[in-house]
Structure formats: structure tokens, C-alpha cells
Amino acid sequence: MSPEITSIQMFGIKTPIIRAGNDIVQILEASLQGAGIVPVEGDVFVLAESAVATAENRIVELASVRPGERALSLGEKYGIDPREMELVLQECDELFGGVPGAALTITKGILSPNAGIDASNAPDGHVVLLPEDPRKSSEEIRKRLEQRYSCRLGVIIGDSRTQPLRLGCTGIALGVSGFVPVEDARGTFDIYGKPLRLTYKAAADNLVSAAELLMGEAGERVPCVLIRGAPVKMVDESPEMPTISMEGCMYFGNIIKGRKESPAKENPETGNQ
């Protein structure tokens, strides 16, 4: 008997440059038509957070920002424009420290360098903040696309992140609508019949990572990737992205434990909460 063959397809959707106030759904519809692509049942759209945020007017002109004393001090410490550092402090939940060029923060519940603020793919002298509510944005986009194409679809608003001790970026989902973003694989069995006890499948993050291959990080102008055949569970809702506490995280849990056992020279910086 032939082994089962599974596959997915990915289509990079090239668009005009998305500007503040643009209707991103209309742009996607026109770009899909121009590429001769018609979405079908179960397709998943991966959208770059910078494109969504730009359309939502989440662009800030740095000249309009007046940094406070803390932003001036931390900007000098980490080699970050103090005006951008001020925005980092305003946007983040917590600031832990940093390295030259990047401040390490928790923002919207996830680990984010510089609170997810992006100077690339932004007009000169401007930066792009994260979408205000990625879950809500993904839901609104999904519902409009489903109405337009008369089928069930999934939408992810994704971003790129580095992994601890690894060079290069992978993908992370900020907001999801239309499918289950993290699947519980506990109780299923491996190839030797042993039950899995801890495993969860990061379906949404993995799809963003795959889409990043086509999106790129520079001037590709591919802010959307349509993924066909993704093995996800479709639902008519917008699930919250599951997170875990810092104490329960393998990385942060051990860092916190290490600090308690051997206090660090510097305490974490606490951002606006």
C-alpha cells in the first residue's frame, strides 16, 4: 500500500504599498483577482502585522514624540532612538533589559523586542506599532473575506521573532480567527505507541513561519500569503492565543529561579502597566 502523501500549497499575494487608512480587504481582493487566485473552503490567510497596523493608522512620526527622562536614559543605554524608546515604554507591559539596538519586553502578553515596534517597512522618520487588537482585526478581516468568497476561511496576523540562542527570524501569530491556533496533542500516540503527555501543536505559529519564506523581511511587498490544505481545525470564532505564565515557561521559569538563587546585579525594568 502506498504511504499517505500530505501537502499544502502557499501563494504569496503581492500588493501595492499599503498606506495609512487603506482598506486592506479591498486591496487583498484586488490583488487576488490580479493573481487569478480564488479562495476556497479552508484556506488560511497569513497577514503581516505591519501591513495591518499601517492600514489601521498605527504609524507614528518620530518627530512628534517627546521622550521622557527614562526613555532618554534607556535609549542611550541600549543604543535606541530615545523617541522610539519612549514608544516602547508606552506600548510594553514589562521591560526586562536589552542588548544594543533592542529592548526585551513583554507586549500584549508575548516576548517582543522593542514592544514589536517596527522601523522597517515604514516611511522615513516613522515607525509602525503593533495592531491595537490583533484578534479583533483578524476576525473583522475574516468575516469580510468569507462574505466576499462564500466559504469558511482562516486569518492570522503574524510577525517575525528570534528564538533564544538562534540566529534568524521565525514566525509568531499575534491574532487568529477561523481555526484553532494551538492543538492539544496530549493523549495521542507516537510511532511506537507511547502516549504524548506534554505536546501541543503550535499550528498558527508554524503557519506564520512557513509564510515568512514567501513574505520575506525586506522589500518583497508580499504582506499576505494564502495557505491551502493546512491541517487545522476550522471554527466559526476567534480563539484567544494561549499563553503560559513566566514561572511555567521553561526559559523564563529557569531565569527567574536563577535570579532568586543568585540575585542579578540589575533588576528587570518595569514598563507601563
C-alpha atoms as a PDB file:
ATOM      1  CA  MET A   1       0.000   0.000   0.000  1.00  0.00           C
ATOM      2  CA  SER A   2       1.335   3.445  -0.892  1.00  0.00           C
ATOM      3  CA  PRO A   3       2.108   5.705   2.034  1.00  0.00           C
ATOM      4  CA  GLU A   4      -0.282   8.577   2.581  1.00  0.00           C
ATOM      5  CA  ILE A   5       1.003  11.773   0.985  1.00  0.00           C
ATOM      6  CA  THR A   6       0.036  15.087   2.549  1.00  0.00           C
ATOM      7  CA  SER A   7       0.834  18.527   1.217  1.00  0.00           C
ATOM      8  CA  ILE A   8      -0.080  22.178   1.457  1.00  0.00           C
ATOM      9  CA  GLN A   9       0.155  24.977  -1.090  1.00  0.00           C
ATOM     10  CA  MET A  10       1.248  28.558  -0.439  1.00  0.00           C
ATOM     11  CA  PHE A  11       0.571  31.576  -2.637  1.00  0.00           C
ATOM     12  CA  GLY A  12       2.368  34.847  -1.975  1.00  0.00           C
ATOM     13  CA  ILE A  13      -0.013  37.736  -2.614  1.00  0.00           C
ATOM     14  CA  LYS A  14       1.872  40.778  -3.854  1.00  0.00           C
ATOM     15  CA  THR A  15       0.125  44.096  -3.260  1.00  0.00           C
ATOM     16  CA  PRO A  16       0.703  47.789  -3.808  1.00  0.00           C
ATOM     17  CA  ILE A  17       2.349  49.558  -0.872  1.00  0.00           C
ATOM     18  CA  ILE A  18      -0.266  49.706   1.890  1.00  0.00           C
ATOM     19  CA  ARG A  19      -0.645  53.164   3.382  1.00  0.00           C
ATOM     20  CA  ALA A  20      -2.343  54.539   6.472  1.00  0.00           C
ATOM     21  CA  GLY A  21      -6.112  54.403   6.179  1.00  0.00           C
ATOM     22  CA  ASN A  22      -6.206  51.970   3.236  1.00  0.00           C
ATOM     23  CA  ASP A  23      -8.885  49.281   3.212  1.00  0.00           C
ATOM     24  CA  ILE A  24      -6.705  46.187   3.444  1.00  0.00           C
ATOM     25  CA  VAL A  25      -9.533  43.816   2.477  1.00  0.00           C
ATOM     26  CA  GLN A  26     -10.224  45.710  -0.733  1.00  0.00           C
ATOM     27  CA  ILE A  27      -6.514  45.650  -1.536  1.00  0.00           C
ATOM     28  CA  LEU A  28      -6.378  41.898  -0.926  1.00  0.00           C
ATOM     29  CA  GLU A  29      -9.435  41.264  -3.101  1.00  0.00           C
ATOM     30  CA  ALA A  30      -7.961  43.256  -5.988  1.00  0.00           C
ATOM     31  CA  SER A  31      -4.562  41.570  -5.611  1.00  0.00           C
ATOM     32  CA  LEU A  32      -6.123  38.104  -5.519  1.00  0.00           C
ATOM     33  CA  GLN A  33      -8.101  38.878  -8.665  1.00  0.00           C
ATOM     34  CA  GLY A  34      -4.983  40.167 -10.389  1.00  0.00           C
ATOM     35  CA  ALA A  35      -3.132  36.972  -9.481  1.00  0.00           C
ATOM     36  CA  GLY A  36      -6.013  34.780 -10.649  1.00  0.00           C
ATOM     37  CA  ILE A  37      -6.473  33.232  -7.203  1.00  0.00           C
ATOM     38  CA  VAL A  38      -9.910  32.468  -5.775  1.00  0.00           C
ATOM     39  CA  PRO A  39     -10.017  31.421  -2.102  1.00  0.00           C
ATOM     40  CA  VAL A  40     -11.725  28.112  -1.334  1.00  0.00           C
ATOM     41  CA  GLU A  41     -13.068  26.398   1.779  1.00  0.00           C
ATOM     42  CA  GLY A  42     -10.411  26.001   4.453  1.00  0.00           C
ATOM     43  CA  ASP A  43      -7.848  28.453   3.047  1.00  0.00           C
ATOM     44  CA  VAL A  44      -5.864  30.375   5.646  1.00  0.00           C
ATOM     45  CA  PHE A  45      -4.632  33.930   5.077  1.00  0.00           C
ATOM     46  CA  VAL A  46      -1.431  34.963   6.857  1.00  0.00           C
ATOM     47  CA  LEU A  47      -1.137  38.751   7.041  1.00  0.00           C
ATOM     48  CA  ALA A  48       1.937  40.726   8.080  1.00  0.00           C
ATOM     49  CA  GLU A  49       1.251  42.727  11.223  1.00  0.00           C
ATOM     50  CA  SER A  50       2.975  45.812   9.779  1.00  0.00           C
ATOM     51  CA  ALA A  51       0.561  45.890   6.832  1.00  0.00           C
ATOM     52  CA  VAL A  52      -2.487  45.541   9.081  1.00  0.00           C
ATOM     53  CA  ALA A  53      -1.169  48.110  11.554  1.00  0.00           C
ATOM     54  CA  THR A  54      -0.382  50.575   8.768  1.00  0.00           C
ATOM     55  CA  ALA A  55      -3.909  50.288   7.373  1.00  0.00           C
ATOM     56  CA  GLU A  56      -5.196  50.870  10.913  1.00  0.00           C
ATOM     57  CA  ASN A  57      -3.217  54.138  11.197  1.00  0.00           C
ATOM     58  CA  ARG A  58      -0.837  52.713  13.792  1.00  0.00           C
ATOM     59  CA  ILE A  59       2.014  54.762  12.311  1.00  0.00           C
ATOM     60  CA  VAL A  60       3.835  57.318  14.459  1.00  0.00           C
ATOM     61  CA  GLU A  61       6.047  60.144  13.228  1.00  0.00           C
ATOM     62  CA  LEU A  62       9.099  60.155  15.494  1.00  0.00           C
ATOM     63  CA  ALA A  63       9.375  63.944  15.289  1.00  0.00           C
ATOM     64  CA  SER A  64       6.067  64.142  17.186  1.00  0.00           C
ATOM     65  CA  VAL A  65       7.377  62.122  20.153  1.00  0.00           C
ATOM     66  CA  ARG A  66       8.896  63.839  23.174  1.00  0.00           C
ATOM     67  CA  PRO A  67      10.961  61.322  25.165  1.00  0.00           C
ATOM     68  CA  GLY A  68      10.934  61.472  28.942  1.00  0.00           C
ATOM     69  CA  GLU A  69      13.922  61.132  31.217  1.00  0.00           C
ATOM     70  CA  ARG A  70      13.585  57.368  31.454  1.00  0.00           C
ATOM     71  CA  ALA A  71      13.415  56.986  27.678  1.00  0.00           C
ATOM     72  CA  LEU A  72      16.481  59.200  27.282  1.00  0.00           C
ATOM     73  CA  SER A  73      18.431  57.110  29.790  1.00  0.00           C
ATOM     74  CA  LEU A  74      17.367  53.723  28.422  1.00  0.00           C
ATOM     75  CA  GLY A  75      17.759  54.856  24.815  1.00  0.00           C
ATOM     76  CA  GLU A  76      21.367  55.750  25.494  1.00  0.00           C
ATOM     77  CA  LYS A  77      21.915  52.518  27.411  1.00  0.00           C
ATOM     78  CA  TYR A  78      20.595  50.262  24.636  1.00  0.00           C
ATOM     79  CA  GLY A  79      21.509  52.356  21.595  1.00  0.00           C
ATOM     80  CA  ILE A  80      17.884  53.071  20.657  1.00  0.00           C
ATOM     81  CA  ASP A  81      16.492  56.378  19.417  1.00  0.00           C
ATOM     82  CA  PRO A  82      15.041  57.880  22.636  1.00  0.00           C
ATOM     83  CA  ARG A  83      11.836  58.788  20.802  1.00  0.00           C
ATOM     84  CA  GLU A  84      11.356  55.140  19.834  1.00  0.00           C
ATOM     85  CA  MET A  85      12.315  54.147  23.380  1.00  0.00           C
ATOM     86  CA  GLU A  86       9.504  56.360  24.668  1.00  0.00           C
ATOM     87  CA  LEU A  87       7.053  54.484  22.446  1.00  0.00           C
ATOM     88  CA  VAL A  88       8.447  51.162  23.682  1.00  0.00           C
ATOM     89  CA  LEU A  89       7.740  52.217  27.269  1.00  0.00           C
ATOM     90  CA  GLN A  90       4.225  53.297  26.340  1.00  0.00           C
ATOM     91  CA  GLU A  91       3.411  50.094  24.427  1.00  0.00           C
ATOM     92  CA  CYS A  92       5.018  47.358  26.519  1.00  0.00           C
ATOM     93  CA  ASP A  93       3.645  45.545  29.553  1.00  0.00           C
ATOM     94  CA  GLU A  94       7.088  44.975  31.027  1.00  0.00           C
ATOM     95  CA  LEU A  95      10.695  45.759  30.123  1.00  0.00           C
ATOM     96  CA  PHE A  96      13.404  43.325  31.209  1.00  0.00           C
ATOM     97  CA  GLY A  97      16.577  44.808  29.764  1.00  0.00           C
ATOM     98  CA  GLY A  98      18.177  44.707  26.354  1.00  0.00           C
ATOM     99  CA  VAL A  99      21.158  44.479  24.062  1.00  0.00           C
ATOM    100  CA  PRO A 100      22.498  47.111  21.657  1.00  0.00           C
ATOM    101  CA  GLY A 101      19.635  48.022  19.341  1.00  0.00           C
ATOM    102  CA  ALA A 102      16.879  46.082  21.092  1.00  0.00           C
ATOM    103  CA  ALA A 103      14.965  46.258  24.365  1.00  0.00           C
ATOM    104  CA  LEU A 104      13.476  42.995  25.639  1.00  0.00           C
ATOM    105  CA  THR A 105       9.802  43.393  26.519  1.00  0.00           C
ATOM    106  CA  ILE A 106       6.583  41.556  27.173  1.00  0.00           C
ATOM    107  CA  THR A 107       3.991  43.245  24.964  1.00  0.00           C
ATOM    108  CA  LYS A 108       0.392  42.097  24.567  1.00  0.00           C
ATOM    109  CA  GLY A 109       1.345  39.005  26.550  1.00  0.00           C
ATOM    110  CA  ILE A 110       4.248  37.815  24.394  1.00  0.00           C
ATOM    111  CA  LEU A 111       8.001  38.297  24.257  1.00  0.00           C
ATOM    112  CA  SER A 112       8.729  41.158  21.854  1.00  0.00           C
ATOM    113  CA  PRO A 113      11.889  43.113  21.087  1.00  0.00           C
ATOM    114  CA  ASN A 114      11.168  46.849  21.230  1.00  0.00           C
ATOM    115  CA  ALA A 115       7.485  46.183  22.008  1.00  0.00           C
ATOM    116  CA  GLY A 116       7.046  44.953  18.431  1.00  0.00           C
ATOM    117  CA  ILE A 117       7.653  48.459  17.063  1.00  0.00           C
ATOM    118  CA  ASP A 118       8.935  48.284  13.506  1.00  0.00           C
ATOM    119  CA  ALA A 119      11.013  50.898  11.698  1.00  0.00           C
ATOM    120  CA  SER A 120      11.367  48.743   8.578  1.00  0.00           C
ATOM    121  CA  ASN A 121       8.563  48.918   6.020  1.00  0.00           C
ATOM    122  CA  ALA A 122       7.620  52.300   7.474  1.00  0.00           C
ATOM    123  CA  PRO A 123       8.012  55.714   5.809  1.00  0.00           C
ATOM    124  CA  ASP A 124      11.191  57.630   6.623  1.00  0.00           C
ATOM    125  CA  GLY A 125      11.051  59.165  10.081  1.00  0.00           C
ATOM    126  CA  HIS A 126       8.157  56.941  11.138  1.00  0.00           C
ATOM    127  CA  VAL A 127       7.652  53.651  12.979  1.00  0.00           C
ATOM    128  CA  VAL A 128       4.778  51.180  12.956  1.00  0.00           C
ATOM    129  CA  LEU A 129       3.263  49.961  16.213  1.00  0.00           C
ATOM    130  CA  LEU A 130       1.603  46.569  16.581  1.00  0.00           C
ATOM    131  CA  PRO A 131      -2.101  46.413  15.713  1.00  0.00           C
ATOM    132  CA  GLU A 132      -4.147  47.613  18.675  1.00  0.00           C
ATOM    133  CA  ASP A 133      -6.121  44.336  18.897  1.00  0.00           C
ATOM    134  CA  PRO A 134      -4.775  41.641  16.511  1.00  0.00           C
ATOM    135  CA  ARG A 135      -7.527  39.171  17.443  1.00  0.00           C
ATOM    136  CA  LYS A 136     -10.289  41.653  16.648  1.00  0.00           C
ATOM    137  CA  SER A 137      -8.560  42.720  13.430  1.00  0.00           C
ATOM    138  CA  SER A 138      -8.199  39.111  12.252  1.00  0.00           C
ATOM    139  CA  GLU A 139     -11.872  38.465  12.951  1.00  0.00           C
ATOM    140  CA  GLU A 140     -13.067  41.528  11.044  1.00  0.00           C
ATOM    141  CA  ILE A 141     -10.893  40.675   8.053  1.00  0.00           C
ATOM    142  CA  ARG A 142     -12.009  37.025   8.078  1.00  0.00           C
ATOM    143  CA  LYS A 143     -15.710  37.873   8.162  1.00  0.00           C
ATOM    144  CA  ARG A 144     -15.398  40.255   5.225  1.00  0.00           C
ATOM    145  CA  LEU A 145     -13.388  37.763   3.185  1.00  0.00           C
ATOM    146  CA  GLU A 146     -15.840  34.957   3.965  1.00  0.00           C
ATOM    147  CA  GLN A 147     -18.731  37.126   2.866  1.00  0.00           C
ATOM    148  CA  ARG A 148     -16.913  38.015  -0.357  1.00  0.00           C
ATOM    149  CA  TYR A 149     -15.926  34.453  -1.288  1.00  0.00           C
ATOM    150  CA  SER A 150     -18.797  32.470   0.312  1.00  0.00           C
ATOM    151  CA  CYS A 151     -16.607  29.945   2.112  1.00  0.00           C
ATOM    152  CA  ARG A 152     -15.055  29.335   5.514  1.00  0.00           C
ATOM    153  CA  LEU A 153     -11.611  30.853   5.858  1.00  0.00           C
ATOM    154  CA  GLY A 154      -8.934  31.392   8.479  1.00  0.00           C
ATOM    155  CA  VAL A 155      -6.937  34.561   9.103  1.00  0.00           C
ATOM    156  CA  ILE A 156      -3.709  35.024  11.041  1.00  0.00           C
ATOM    157  CA  ILE A 157      -1.990  38.303  11.815  1.00  0.00           C
ATOM    158  CA  GLY A 158       1.634  37.283  12.183  1.00  0.00           C
ATOM    159  CA  ASP A 159       5.010  38.748  12.988  1.00  0.00           C
ATOM    160  CA  SER A 160       8.613  37.568  12.976  1.00  0.00           C
ATOM    161  CA  ARG A 161      10.628  36.873  16.105  1.00  0.00           C
ATOM    162  CA  THR A 162      14.023  35.498  17.017  1.00  0.00           C
ATOM    163  CA  GLN A 163      14.343  32.354  19.123  1.00  0.00           C
ATOM    164  CA  PRO A 164      16.609  32.143  22.186  1.00  0.00           C
ATOM    165  CA  LEU A 165      20.189  31.327  21.178  1.00  0.00           C
ATOM    166  CA  ARG A 166      19.305  31.078  17.474  1.00  0.00           C
ATOM    167  CA  LEU A 167      20.217  33.436  14.644  1.00  0.00           C
ATOM    168  CA  GLY A 168      17.425  34.472  12.297  1.00  0.00           C
ATOM    169  CA  CYS A 169      13.687  35.037  12.485  1.00  0.00           C
ATOM    170  CA  THR A 170      10.753  32.646  12.618  1.00  0.00           C
ATOM    171  CA  GLY A 171       7.045  33.391  12.694  1.00  0.00           C
ATOM    172  CA  ILE A 172       4.634  34.011  15.540  1.00  0.00           C
ATOM    173  CA  ALA A 173       0.865  34.504  15.449  1.00  0.00           C
ATOM    174  CA  LEU A 174      -0.444  37.621  17.185  1.00  0.00           C
ATOM    175  CA  GLY A 175      -4.120  37.129  16.415  1.00  0.00           C
ATOM    176  CA  VAL A 176      -6.122  34.308  14.842  1.00  0.00           C
ATOM    177  CA  SER A 177      -9.653  33.876  13.563  1.00  0.00           C
ATOM    178  CA  GLY A 178     -11.441  30.923  11.997  1.00  0.00           C
ATOM    179  CA  PHE A 179      -9.389  27.988  13.290  1.00  0.00           C
ATOM    180  CA  VAL A 180      -7.828  26.528  16.433  1.00  0.00           C
ATOM    181  CA  PRO A 181      -4.361  28.109  16.825  1.00  0.00           C
ATOM    182  CA  VAL A 182      -2.883  25.600  19.285  1.00  0.00           C
ATOM    183  CA  GLU A 183      -3.965  21.947  19.227  1.00  0.00           C
ATOM    184  CA  ASP A 184      -3.718  19.697  22.264  1.00  0.00           C
ATOM    185  CA  ALA A 185      -1.854  16.540  21.218  1.00  0.00           C
ATOM    186  CA  ARG A 186      -1.741  15.030  24.694  1.00  0.00           C
ATOM    187  CA  GLY A 187      -3.134  11.523  24.748  1.00  0.00           C
ATOM    188  CA  THR A 188      -2.246  10.803  21.129  1.00  0.00           C
ATOM    189  CA  PHE A 189       0.424   8.222  20.401  1.00  0.00           C
ATOM    190  CA  ASP A 190       3.858   8.328  18.802  1.00  0.00           C
ATOM    191  CA  ILE A 191       5.060   5.845  16.163  1.00  0.00           C
ATOM    192  CA  TYR A 192       5.891   3.345  18.912  1.00  0.00           C
ATOM    193  CA  GLY A 193       2.513   3.592  20.586  1.00  0.00           C
ATOM    194  CA  LYS A 194       3.665   5.705  23.525  1.00  0.00           C
ATOM    195  CA  PRO A 195       1.177   8.389  24.646  1.00  0.00           C
ATOM    196  CA  LEU A 196       2.228  12.032  24.391  1.00  0.00           C
ATOM    197  CA  ARG A 197       1.974  13.766  27.764  1.00  0.00           C
ATOM    198  CA  LEU A 198       3.094  17.360  27.202  1.00  0.00           C
ATOM    199  CA  THR A 199       2.846  18.116  23.482  1.00  0.00           C
ATOM    200  CA  TYR A 200       0.795  20.930  21.993  1.00  0.00           C
ATOM    201  CA  LYS A 201       0.920  21.767  18.275  1.00  0.00           C
ATOM    202  CA  ALA A 202       1.550  25.463  17.604  1.00  0.00           C
ATOM    203  CA  ALA A 203      -0.442  25.381  14.361  1.00  0.00           C
ATOM    204  CA  ALA A 204      -0.777  29.148  13.910  1.00  0.00           C
ATOM    205  CA  ASP A 205       2.875  29.914  14.706  1.00  0.00           C
ATOM    206  CA  ASN A 206       4.011  27.174  12.319  1.00  0.00           C
ATOM    207  CA  LEU A 207       1.867  28.563   9.508  1.00  0.00           C
ATOM    208  CA  VAL A 208       3.309  32.039  10.030  1.00  0.00           C
ATOM    209  CA  SER A 209       6.834  30.589   9.930  1.00  0.00           C
ATOM    210  CA  ALA A 210       6.031  28.854   6.644  1.00  0.00           C
ATOM    211  CA  ALA A 211       4.525  32.046   5.208  1.00  0.00           C
ATOM    212  CA  GLU A 212       7.643  34.018   6.180  1.00  0.00           C
ATOM    213  CA  LEU A 213       9.529  32.132   3.448  1.00  0.00           C
ATOM    214  CA  LEU A 214       7.436  33.980   0.857  1.00  0.00           C
ATOM    215  CA  MET A 215       6.846  37.235   2.739  1.00  0.00           C
ATOM    216  CA  GLY A 216      10.495  37.959   3.407  1.00  0.00           C
ATOM    217  CA  GLU A 217      11.751  40.702   5.701  1.00  0.00           C
ATOM    218  CA  ALA A 218      12.633  43.499   3.279  1.00  0.00           C
ATOM    219  CA  GLY A 219      11.087  44.990   0.120  1.00  0.00           C
ATOM    220  CA  GLU A 220       9.308  41.925  -1.254  1.00  0.00           C
ATOM    221  CA  ARG A 221       5.869  43.610  -1.000  1.00  0.00           C
ATOM    222  CA  VAL A 222       4.204  40.310  -0.132  1.00  0.00           C
ATOM    223  CA  PRO A 223       2.215  41.186   3.010  1.00  0.00           C
ATOM    224  CA  CYS A 224      -0.122  38.227   2.609  1.00  0.00           C
ATOM    225  CA  VAL A 225       0.299  34.516   1.982  1.00  0.00           C
ATOM    226  CA  LEU A 226      -2.663  32.253   1.243  1.00  0.00           C
ATOM    227  CA  ILE A 227      -2.135  28.726   2.553  1.00  0.00           C
ATOM    228  CA  ARG A 228      -4.237  25.927   1.085  1.00  0.00           C
ATOM    229  CA  GLY A 229      -4.588  22.486   2.630  1.00  0.00           C
ATOM    230  CA  ALA A 230      -3.320  23.417   6.087  1.00  0.00           C
ATOM    231  CA  PRO A 231      -4.188  20.658   8.595  1.00  0.00           C
ATOM    232  CA  VAL A 232      -6.085  22.882  11.002  1.00  0.00           C
ATOM    233  CA  LYS A 233      -9.441  22.617  12.764  1.00  0.00           C
ATOM    234  CA  MET A 234     -11.748  25.295  11.375  1.00  0.00           C
ATOM    235  CA  VAL A 235     -14.099  27.052  13.813  1.00  0.00           C
ATOM    236  CA  ASP A 236     -16.516  29.939  13.487  1.00  0.00           C
ATOM    237  CA  GLU A 237     -14.835  32.040  16.173  1.00  0.00           C
ATOM    238  CA  SER A 238     -11.638  33.867  17.041  1.00  0.00           C
ATOM    239  CA  PRO A 239      -9.865  31.945  19.804  1.00  0.00           C
ATOM    240  CA  GLU A 240      -7.509  33.682  22.185  1.00  0.00           C
ATOM    241  CA  MET A 241      -3.857  32.817  21.633  1.00  0.00           C
ATOM    242  CA  PRO A 242      -2.950  30.524  24.556  1.00  0.00           C
ATOM    243  CA  THR A 243      -0.075  31.711  26.704  1.00  0.00           C
ATOM    244  CA  ILE A 244       1.685  30.409  29.794  1.00  0.00           C
ATOM    245  CA  SER A 245       2.981  32.188  32.865  1.00  0.00           C
ATOM    246  CA  MET A 246       6.621  33.208  33.098  1.00  0.00           C
ATOM    247  CA  GLU A 247       7.028  30.816  36.026  1.00  0.00           C
ATOM    248  CA  GLY A 248       5.667  27.960  33.905  1.00  0.00           C
ATOM    249  CA  CYS A 249       7.872  28.776  30.914  1.00  0.00           C
ATOM    250  CA  MET A 250      10.943  26.569  30.509  1.00  0.00           C
ATOM    251  CA  TYR A 251      13.091  29.603  29.637  1.00  0.00           C
ATOM    252  CA  PHE A 252      11.758  32.304  31.917  1.00  0.00           C
ATOM    253  CA  GLY A 253      10.999  29.893  34.747  1.00  0.00           C
ATOM    254  CA  ASN A 254      14.654  28.920  34.994  1.00  0.00           C
ATOM    255  CA  ILE A 255      15.823  32.532  34.621  1.00  0.00           C
ATOM    256  CA  ILE A 256      13.546  33.580  37.485  1.00  0.00           C
ATOM    257  CA  LYS A 257      14.713  30.649  39.579  1.00  0.00           C
ATOM    258  CA  GLY A 258      18.339  31.519  38.863  1.00  0.00           C
ATOM    259  CA  ARG A 259      17.793  35.142  39.888  1.00  0.00           C
ATOM    260  CA  LYS A 260      16.268  34.077  43.190  1.00  0.00           C
ATOM    261  CA  GLU A 261      19.138  31.732  43.909  1.00  0.00           C
ATOM    262  CA  SER A 262      21.797  34.237  42.784  1.00  0.00           C
ATOM    263  CA  PRO A 263      20.407  37.799  42.634  1.00  0.00           C
ATOM    264  CA  ALA A 264      21.387  39.640  39.447  1.00  0.00           C
ATOM    265  CA  LYS A 265      23.240  42.926  39.518  1.00  0.00           C
ATOM    266  CA  GLU A 266      20.306  44.623  37.794  1.00  0.00           C
ATOM    267  CA  ASN A 267      16.618  44.213  38.424  1.00  0.00           C
ATOM    268  CA  PRO A 268      14.237  43.971  35.458  1.00  0.00           C
ATOM    269  CA  GLU A 269      12.889  47.257  34.222  1.00  0.00           C
ATOM    270  CA  THR A 270       9.163  47.549  34.735  1.00  0.00           C
ATOM    271  CA  GLY A 271       7.194  49.234  31.950  1.00  0.00           C
ATOM    272  CA  ASN A 272       3.800  50.933  31.995  1.00  0.00           C
ATOM    273  CA  GLN A 273       1.119  48.613  33.324  1.00  0.00           C
END
